Amino acid sequence: MTQVNRSPKTYDVCVIGSGAGGGMAAKVLTEGGLDVVMLEAGGPVHPEKDYKMFMWPYDLPHRGVGVGGKQAENFGEFLAPNGAWQIEGEPYVSAPGSDFRWFRSRVVGGRTNHWGRIALRFAPVDFKSKTRDGLGDDWPISYDDISPYYDKVESYIGVFGSHENVDSAPNGVFLPPPRPRCHELLVKKACDRLNIACIPARLAILTKAHNGRAECHYCGQCGRGCITASNFSSSQVLLPPAMKTGKLTMITGAMAREIIVGKTGKAEAVSYIDKATKTEKRFNSKAVVVAASACESARLLLNSKSSLFPDGVASSSGTVGRYLMDSVGSDGWGIVPELGKMPPHNHDGVGGMHLYMPWWKYDRKNDFPRGYHIEIGGGRELPGAGMFHDLCHDEEGYGATLKKRARQVY
């Protein structure tokens, strides 16, 4: 029989996962006076050491690209502080004939350390999609139910944007948006001619100092993590105030295995594996918050079987782990000759888009369901290995002629 190390203390709440959901739960609960223990499968994060915000490509062994195998698959050496499609020691299986790729992040703060920072609200129309087009199901709640909480989150974390009164992009509590860059102004000009909405993006990046955090300094490297905490991450914005209360106990390297329910059917403990010692441990709590991301949360609920819940906690409907929905996207690119004529200039901006085209074509009949939005990218970026790869197919020679062409393409 496996020996389980049980903590003698009973916490008010056990929060599983330290990302966006878990971090906010910990902040709200601890500031409300509750004793909280948080289980995080990854290790701690130290922004000043782990983030590669100001690092040049030539400062890394493979110019930031990675070489073969795991590094190449996991986006190279710049991703901060970690995130991967494949994690050593964490194999998983997919159904025969399926090709399901699952991006995971094993670190305090989870994927909020390197997310895209796009912070859009659901619109009223998103809650009633079936009423509109007959597909799926309407939500049992409405935009009006959620709107006050959007206000609270935006007010606290800081999101830039503008009030545009677009049906599919509700107004919010916004910081001033950054000015459009060259390529974005050209797209905006074309959109205006075509009568397509193109408005300031809504990103969780500070354009002015906010709640003790410095404004963005426009290095454009948000995806590597932000040492100044000018963009939102749970590890830098939600967890520090929770820790400051003295009410949060953080356990890292803790892979949650099972939610233990008592005779009344209510959760009373969480069993986890200490990854360092490979031993099973347990924390008692009066309530459990499952915030371990969609796939990990489903795994945990399905693992939590008992005589009261033979198919797992919250799984009597048989739908836990089914109907998972990914964010479907595509991309396209082109060359704008006008940009090639621009003199070299400082391409200041955040690490993301300043303008975007909100959800459109959802309000008409298409040959596909619903619609899409368009995110704009372009212009000069920090030079990196491989960015002139295609130039080698089109140009011959070397020296001044090739350099001139490379500058034009850049």
Protein backbone atom coordinates (compact mmCIF):
# COMPACT_ATOMS: atom_id res chain seq x y z
CA MET A 1 0.00 0.00 0.00
CA THR A 2 1.35 3.45 -0.94
CA GLN A 3 2.28 5.66 2.02
CA VAL A 4 0.60 9.08 1.73
CA ASN A 5 2.12 12.04 3.55
CA ARG A 6 -0.82 14.02 4.99
CA SER A 7 -0.59 17.61 6.16
CA PRO A 8 -2.15 17.99 9.64
CA LYS A 9 -3.51 21.46 8.78
CA THR A 10 -6.86 21.97 7.05
CA TYR A 11 -6.83 24.99 4.73
CA ASP A 12 -9.90 26.95 3.78
CA VAL A 13 -9.21 26.47 0.07
CA CYS A 14 -6.80 24.47 -2.09
CA VAL A 15 -6.17 26.13 -5.48
CA ILE A 16 -4.78 23.88 -8.20
CA GLY A 17 -2.81 25.84 -10.80
CA SER A 18 -1.21 29.29 -10.54
CA GLY A 19 -2.10 30.80 -13.93
CA ALA A 20 -4.79 33.34 -14.79
CA GLY A 21 -7.64 31.55 -12.96
CA GLY A 22 -5.68 30.20 -10.02
CA GLY A 23 -3.76 33.43 -9.49
CA MET A 24 -6.93 35.52 -9.39
CA ALA A 25 -8.64 33.03 -7.07
CA ALA A 26 -5.66 33.14 -4.69
CA LYS A 27 -5.59 36.95 -4.68
CA VAL A 28 -9.31 37.37 -4.01
CA LEU A 29 -9.53 34.60 -1.41
CA THR A 30 -6.45 35.57 0.60
CA GLU A 31 -7.38 39.26 0.59
CA GLY A 32 -10.77 38.10 1.87
CA GLY A 33 -9.02 36.51 4.87
CA LEU A 34 -9.01 32.82 3.89
CA ASP A 35 -6.06 30.45 4.31
CA VAL A 36 -5.12 29.14 0.86
CA VAL A 37 -2.69 26.47 -0.30
CA MET A 38 -1.75 26.53 -3.98
CA LEU A 39 -0.41 23.52 -5.91
CA GLU A 40 1.72 24.25 -8.99
CA ALA A 41 3.16 21.42 -11.11
CA GLY A 42 6.10 23.56 -12.23
CA GLY A 43 8.87 25.39 -10.46
CA PRO A 44 9.25 28.98 -9.28
CA VAL A 45 9.92 31.85 -11.68
CA HIS A 46 12.49 34.62 -11.15
CA PRO A 47 11.85 37.28 -13.83
CA GLU A 48 15.17 39.09 -13.41
CA LYS A 49 17.00 35.80 -14.04
CA ASP A 50 14.62 33.74 -16.16
CA TYR A 51 13.23 36.29 -18.63
CA LYS A 52 15.27 37.02 -21.77
CA MET A 53 13.69 40.39 -22.54
CA PHE A 54 16.84 42.33 -23.50
CA MET A 55 18.92 39.43 -24.79
CA TRP A 56 20.35 39.58 -28.31
CA PRO A 57 20.19 36.53 -30.59
CA TYR A 58 23.98 36.22 -30.54
CA ASP A 59 23.92 35.92 -26.73
CA LEU A 60 22.32 32.47 -27.01
CA PRO A 61 23.98 29.20 -28.09
CA HIS A 62 21.92 28.80 -31.26
CA ARG A 63 21.07 32.44 -31.94
CA GLY A 64 17.72 31.92 -30.18
CA VAL A 65 16.42 29.37 -32.67
CA GLY A 66 17.25 26.15 -30.86
CA VAL A 67 18.68 23.20 -32.69
CA GLY A 68 16.82 20.00 -33.48
CA GLY A 69 14.53 17.98 -31.24
CA LYS A 70 12.96 19.52 -28.19
CA GLN A 71 14.29 23.09 -28.44
CA ALA A 72 13.12 23.58 -32.01
CA GLU A 73 9.71 22.10 -31.27
CA ASN A 74 9.29 24.30 -28.22
CA PHE A 75 9.85 27.60 -30.06
CA GLY A 76 13.57 27.91 -29.47
CA GLU A 77 15.56 29.44 -26.66
CA PHE A 78 13.81 32.79 -26.20
CA LEU A 79 10.49 31.58 -24.78
CA ALA A 80 10.34 32.72 -21.20
CA PRO A 81 10.44 31.10 -18.89
CA ASN A 82 9.12 27.80 -20.26
CA GLY A 83 6.35 26.24 -22.28
CA ALA A 84 6.30 23.20 -24.51
CA TRP A 85 4.33 20.79 -26.66
CA GLN A 86 6.38 17.93 -25.22
CA ILE A 87 7.63 17.85 -21.62
CA GLU A 88 10.19 15.31 -20.50
CA GLY A 89 8.67 12.93 -17.98
CA GLU A 90 5.10 13.84 -18.97
CA PRO A 91 4.04 11.54 -21.79
CA TYR A 92 0.43 11.53 -22.89
CA VAL A 93 -1.50 9.53 -25.44
CA SER A 94 -4.01 10.51 -28.08
CA ALA A 95 -6.65 8.41 -29.79
CA PRO A 96 -5.57 6.34 -32.81
CA GLY A 97 -5.63 8.44 -35.96
CA SER A 98 -5.79 11.74 -34.07
CA ASP A 99 -3.10 14.40 -33.97
CA PHE A 100 -3.75 16.40 -30.81
CA ARG A 101 -1.00 18.78 -29.74
CA TRP A 102 -1.22 20.11 -26.20
CA PHE A 103 0.83 23.15 -25.17
CA ARG A 104 1.72 23.15 -21.50
CA SER A 105 3.65 25.43 -19.19
CA ARG A 106 5.23 24.14 -16.02
CA VAL A 107 6.12 27.21 -13.96
CA VAL A 108 4.51 29.56 -11.43
CA GLY A 109 2.12 31.77 -13.39
CA GLY A 110 1.75 29.18 -16.16
CA ARG A 111 1.18 30.44 -19.68
CA THR A 112 0.50 33.99 -18.48
CA ASN A 113 4.29 34.38 -18.48
CA HIS A 114 4.38 34.26 -22.28
CA TRP A 115 0.80 34.58 -23.57
CA GLY A 116 -0.26 36.86 -26.41
CA ARG A 117 -1.81 39.39 -23.97
CA ILE A 118 -4.88 39.83 -26.23
CA ALA A 119 -7.65 40.66 -23.75
CA LEU A 120 -10.98 40.76 -25.60
CA ARG A 121 -14.41 40.60 -24.00
CA PHE A 122 -17.11 38.24 -25.20
CA ALA A 123 -19.80 40.37 -26.82
CA PRO A 124 -23.55 40.05 -26.12
CA VAL A 125 -23.93 38.22 -29.44
CA ASP A 126 -21.39 35.56 -28.32
CA PHE A 127 -23.65 34.46 -25.48
CA LYS A 128 -26.60 33.84 -27.82
CA SER A 129 -24.96 32.21 -30.84
CA LYS A 130 -27.48 29.38 -31.22
CA THR A 131 -30.36 31.85 -31.23
CA ARG A 132 -28.63 33.58 -34.13
CA ASP A 133 -27.46 30.69 -36.30
CA GLY A 134 -28.81 27.44 -34.76
CA LEU A 135 -25.36 25.98 -33.97
CA GLY A 136 -24.18 24.85 -30.55
CA ASP A 137 -25.92 26.16 -27.44
CA ASP A 138 -26.66 29.54 -25.97
CA TRP A 139 -24.93 30.35 -22.68
CA PRO A 140 -27.12 30.15 -19.57
CA ILE A 141 -25.80 33.61 -18.61
CA SER A 142 -25.69 36.89 -20.49
CA TYR A 143 -23.14 39.61 -21.18
CA ASP A 144 -24.80 41.78 -18.54
CA ASP A 145 -24.04 39.11 -15.92
CA ILE A 146 -20.33 39.09 -16.79
CA SER A 147 -19.72 42.74 -17.67
CA PRO A 148 -19.10 43.96 -14.06
CA TYR A 149 -16.35 41.35 -13.69
CA TYR A 150 -14.73 42.38 -16.96
CA ASP A 151 -14.69 45.90 -15.50
CA LYS A 152 -12.97 44.68 -12.32
CA VAL A 153 -10.32 42.66 -14.15
CA GLU A 154 -9.49 45.40 -16.67
CA SER A 155 -9.34 48.01 -13.90
CA TYR A 156 -6.84 45.92 -11.97
CA ILE A 157 -4.55 44.35 -14.59
CA GLY A 158 -4.52 47.24 -17.08
CA VAL A 159 -5.74 46.79 -20.67
CA PHE A 160 -5.27 49.37 -23.42
CA GLY A 161 -7.98 50.06 -25.97
CA SER A 162 -10.59 52.59 -27.05
CA HIS A 163 -14.37 53.02 -26.97
CA GLU A 164 -15.58 52.31 -30.51
CA ASN A 165 -19.18 51.12 -29.94
CA VAL A 166 -18.64 48.06 -32.14
CA ASP A 167 -21.31 45.38 -31.55
CA SER A 168 -18.80 42.53 -31.53
CA ALA A 169 -16.18 44.38 -29.44
CA PRO A 170 -17.78 45.89 -26.30
CA ASN A 171 -16.29 48.99 -24.71
CA GLY A 172 -14.29 48.43 -21.55
CA VAL A 173 -12.16 50.09 -18.88
CA PHE A 174 -9.16 50.99 -21.01
CA LEU A 175 -5.78 52.63 -20.76
CA PRO A 176 -4.84 54.83 -23.75
CA PRO A 177 -3.88 52.76 -26.83
CA PRO A 178 -0.41 53.15 -28.38
CA ARG A 179 -0.14 55.03 -31.67
CA PRO A 180 -0.35 52.91 -34.85
CA ARG A 181 2.88 52.04 -36.61
CA CYS A 182 3.63 52.43 -40.32
CA HIS A 183 2.27 49.10 -41.54
CA GLU A 184 -0.82 49.46 -39.34
CA LEU A 185 -1.61 52.90 -40.76
CA LEU A 186 -1.51 51.45 -44.28
CA VAL A 187 -3.91 48.65 -43.28
CA LYS A 188 -6.19 51.15 -41.54
CA LYS A 189 -6.26 53.29 -44.69
CA ALA A 190 -7.32 50.27 -46.78
CA CYS A 191 -9.95 49.19 -44.23
CA ASP A 192 -11.52 52.64 -44.24
CA ARG A 193 -11.88 52.45 -48.02
CA LEU A 194 -13.53 49.01 -47.74
CA ASN A 195 -15.74 50.01 -44.79
CA ILE A 196 -14.18 47.36 -42.52
CA ALA A 197 -13.75 48.26 -38.84
CA CYS A 198 -10.07 48.57 -37.90
CA ILE A 199 -9.64 49.85 -34.34
CA PRO A 200 -7.05 49.95 -31.54
CA ALA A 201 -6.32 46.47 -30.18
CA ARG A 202 -7.11 45.49 -26.58
CA LEU A 203 -3.96 44.11 -24.97
CA ALA A 204 -3.05 43.65 -21.29
CA ILE A 205 0.00 45.92 -21.57
CA LEU A 206 0.41 49.17 -19.63
CA THR A 207 0.70 52.34 -21.71
CA LYS A 208 1.01 54.35 -18.51
CA ALA A 209 2.00 53.48 -14.94
CA HIS A 210 -0.77 51.57 -13.22
CA ASN A 211 -1.22 50.01 -9.76
CA GLY A 212 2.47 50.33 -8.94
CA ARG A 213 3.68 48.86 -12.25
CA ALA A 214 5.76 50.78 -14.80
CA GLU A 215 4.46 51.64 -18.24
CA CYS A 216 5.68 49.68 -21.28
CA HIS A 217 9.08 50.80 -22.57
CA TYR A 218 8.37 49.50 -26.12
CA CYS A 219 11.16 46.94 -26.41
CA GLY A 220 8.71 44.77 -28.36
CA GLN A 221 9.78 41.51 -26.68
CA CYS A 222 6.69 40.77 -24.55
CA GLY A 223 6.67 37.08 -25.47
CA ARG A 224 9.89 36.56 -23.55
CA GLY A 225 8.35 37.76 -20.28
CA CYS A 226 8.50 41.32 -18.95
CA ILE A 227 11.05 42.15 -16.25
CA THR A 228 9.25 45.42 -15.44
CA ALA A 229 5.83 43.69 -15.17
CA SER A 230 4.47 46.15 -17.73
CA ASN A 231 2.41 43.36 -19.26
CA PHE A 232 0.12 41.12 -17.27
CA SER A 233 1.21 37.81 -15.78
CA SER A 234 -0.21 35.98 -12.81
CA SER A 235 3.29 35.50 -11.40
CA GLN A 236 3.96 39.26 -11.26
CA VAL A 237 0.52 40.84 -10.82
CA LEU A 238 -1.78 38.42 -8.95
CA LEU A 239 0.44 36.24 -6.78
CA PRO A 240 2.63 38.90 -5.09
CA PRO A 241 -0.33 40.63 -3.37
CA ALA A 242 -1.67 37.22 -2.37
CA MET A 243 1.68 36.28 -0.83
CA LYS A 244 1.84 39.64 0.93
CA THR A 245 -1.28 38.76 2.96
CA GLY A 246 0.59 35.90 4.63
CA LYS A 247 -2.41 33.71 3.83
CA LEU A 248 -1.01 31.90 0.77
CA THR A 249 1.12 28.75 0.96
CA MET A 250 2.70 28.00 -2.44
CA ILE A 251 3.79 24.42 -3.19
CA THR A 252 5.78 24.04 -6.43
CA GLY A 253 6.69 20.81 -8.18
CA ALA A 254 3.31 19.44 -7.09
CA MET A 255 1.37 17.47 -9.73
CA ALA A 256 -2.22 17.18 -8.54
CA ARG A 257 -3.42 13.56 -8.82
CA GLU A 258 -6.88 13.36 -7.26
CA ILE A 259 -9.54 15.40 -5.50
CA ILE A 260 -10.63 13.48 -2.39
CA VAL A 261 -14.33 13.72 -1.53
CA GLY A 262 -15.91 12.90 1.81
CA LYS A 263 -19.05 10.97 2.67
CA THR A 264 -21.22 13.99 1.91
CA GLY A 265 -19.79 14.20 -1.63
CA LYS A 266 -17.93 17.44 -0.97
CA ALA A 267 -14.22 17.90 -1.60
CA GLU A 268 -12.09 17.69 1.51
CA ALA A 269 -8.53 17.12 0.29
CA VAL A 270 -6.23 17.01 -2.74
CA SER A 271 -3.69 14.26 -3.33
CA TYR A 272 -0.60 15.25 -5.32
CA ILE A 273 2.74 13.85 -6.41
CA ASP A 274 5.85 15.62 -5.16
CA LYS A 275 7.85 15.58 -8.40
CA ALA A 276 11.21 15.89 -6.61
CA THR A 277 10.75 12.88 -4.32
CA LYS A 278 8.16 10.95 -6.40
CA THR A 279 6.09 10.54 -3.24
CA GLU A 280 2.36 11.08 -2.80
CA LYS A 281 1.25 13.83 -0.44
CA ARG A 282 -2.08 15.32 0.58
CA PHE A 283 -3.48 18.65 1.72
CA ASN A 284 -6.80 18.90 3.53
CA SER A 285 -9.07 21.79 2.57
CA LYS A 286 -12.70 22.80 2.96
CA ALA A 287 -12.99 23.67 -0.73
CA VAL A 288 -11.03 23.15 -3.94
CA VAL A 289 -10.57 25.50 -6.91
CA VAL A 290 -9.62 23.59 -10.08
CA ALA A 291 -7.69 26.03 -12.28
CA ALA A 292 -5.17 23.77 -13.97
CA SER A 293 -6.05 24.66 -17.62
CA ALA A 294 -8.69 22.89 -19.70
CA CYS A 295 -6.88 19.61 -20.33
CA GLU A 296 -5.20 19.21 -16.93
CA SER A 297 -8.42 20.11 -15.12
CA ALA A 298 -10.32 17.47 -17.11
CA ARG A 299 -7.61 14.89 -16.33
CA LEU A 300 -7.82 15.68 -12.63
CA LEU A 301 -11.63 15.47 -12.49
CA LEU A 302 -11.65 12.15 -14.37
CA ASN A 303 -8.95 10.78 -12.04
CA SER A 304 -11.02 11.67 -8.98
CA LYS A 305 -13.13 8.51 -8.86
CA SER A 306 -14.93 7.21 -5.80
CA SER A 307 -18.01 5.21 -4.87
CA LEU A 308 -20.00 8.47 -4.99
CA PHE A 309 -18.44 9.53 -8.31
CA PRO A 310 -17.52 6.36 -10.24
CA ASP A 311 -16.82 8.35 -13.43
CA GLY A 312 -14.93 11.14 -11.70
CA VAL A 313 -15.92 14.36 -9.96
CA ALA A 314 -18.40 16.53 -11.89
CA SER A 315 -18.55 13.91 -14.65
CA SER A 316 -21.98 12.33 -14.17
CA SER A 317 -22.99 13.83 -17.52
CA GLY A 318 -20.13 12.01 -19.26
CA THR A 319 -18.98 15.22 -20.93
CA VAL A 320 -15.85 16.05 -18.90
CA GLY A 321 -12.89 15.80 -21.26
CA ARG A 322 -15.10 15.90 -24.35
CA TYR A 323 -15.92 18.78 -26.69
CA LEU A 324 -12.66 20.59 -25.99
CA MET A 325 -12.36 23.53 -28.36
CA ASP A 326 -9.13 24.99 -29.65
CA SER A 327 -8.70 28.50 -31.01
CA VAL A 328 -8.61 28.02 -34.77
CA GLY A 329 -6.44 30.40 -36.73
CA SER A 330 -4.71 30.87 -40.03
CA ASP A 331 -2.32 33.41 -41.46
CA GLY A 332 -1.29 35.05 -44.68
CA TRP A 333 1.37 37.54 -45.63
CA GLY A 334 2.36 39.84 -48.43
CA ILE A 335 4.88 42.48 -49.43
CA VAL A 336 3.82 46.13 -49.36
CA PRO A 337 6.13 48.03 -51.75
CA GLU A 338 5.37 51.31 -50.00
CA LEU A 339 7.05 50.04 -46.83
CA GLY A 340 10.21 49.21 -48.77
CA LYS A 341 10.58 52.89 -49.62
CA MET A 342 10.43 54.03 -46.00
CA PRO A 343 13.65 55.46 -44.56
CA PRO A 344 14.96 53.55 -41.53
CA HIS A 345 13.14 54.68 -38.42
CA ASN A 346 12.50 53.64 -34.83
CA HIS A 347 9.71 51.06 -34.94
CA ASP A 348 8.48 51.69 -31.39
CA GLY A 349 5.63 49.65 -30.03
CA VAL A 350 4.46 46.85 -27.79
CA GLY A 351 5.17 43.22 -28.49
CA GLY A 352 1.92 42.78 -30.37
CA MET A 353 -0.57 44.57 -32.56
CA HIS A 354 -1.63 48.18 -32.06
CA LEU A 355 -4.65 47.82 -34.38
CA TYR A 356 -6.94 44.92 -35.27
CA MET A 357 -10.14 44.17 -37.14
CA PRO A 358 -12.81 43.07 -34.65
CA TRP A 359 -15.05 40.03 -35.17
CA TRP A 360 -16.88 40.49 -38.47
CA LYS A 361 -18.91 38.62 -41.10
CA TYR A 362 -20.75 36.96 -38.18
CA ASP A 363 -23.87 38.99 -38.96
CA ARG A 364 -24.40 37.78 -42.54
CA LYS A 365 -24.78 34.57 -44.49
CA ASN A 366 -21.42 33.04 -45.41
CA ASP A 367 -20.29 29.74 -46.85
CA PHE A 368 -18.84 29.01 -43.38
CA PRO A 369 -20.31 29.37 -39.86
CA ARG A 370 -19.98 32.67 -38.04
CA GLY A 371 -16.92 34.87 -38.62
CA TYR A 372 -13.42 35.83 -37.56
CA HIS A 373 -11.21 38.70 -36.52
CA ILE A 374 -7.91 39.77 -38.06
CA GLU A 375 -4.72 40.53 -36.14
CA ILE A 376 -2.21 42.74 -37.92
CA GLY A 377 1.55 42.16 -37.88
CA GLY A 378 4.38 43.59 -39.91
CA GLY A 379 7.18 46.10 -40.10
CA ARG A 380 10.68 45.89 -38.69
CA GLU A 381 11.33 43.40 -35.91
CA LEU A 382 14.43 42.52 -33.93
CA PRO A 383 16.67 40.73 -36.47
CA GLY A 384 16.95 37.03 -35.79
CA ALA A 385 18.50 33.92 -37.28
CA GLY A 386 16.77 32.78 -40.47
CA MET A 387 14.76 35.93 -41.15
CA PHE A 388 16.48 36.46 -44.54
CA HIS A 389 16.23 32.80 -45.52
CA ASP A 390 14.01 33.47 -48.55
CA LEU A 391 16.38 36.13 -49.82
CA CYS A 392 18.88 33.43 -50.75
CA HIS A 393 16.43 31.96 -53.26
CA ASP A 394 16.05 35.20 -55.19
CA GLU A 395 19.40 36.99 -55.04
CA GLU A 396 22.88 36.26 -56.30
CA GLY A 397 26.18 37.75 -55.27
CA TYR A 398 27.40 39.33 -52.08
CA GLY A 399 28.64 42.64 -50.73
CA ALA A 400 26.94 46.02 -51.14
CA THR A 401 24.26 44.87 -53.62
CA LEU A 402 23.08 42.02 -51.40
CA LYS A 403 23.18 44.22 -48.29
CA LYS A 404 21.09 46.88 -50.01
CA ARG A 405 18.50 44.27 -51.01
CA ALA A 406 18.47 42.79 -47.48
CA ARG A 407 17.79 46.22 -45.99
CA GLN A 408 14.95 46.75 -48.44
CA VAL A 409 13.37 43.39 -47.59
CA TYR A 410 13.83 44.04 -43.87
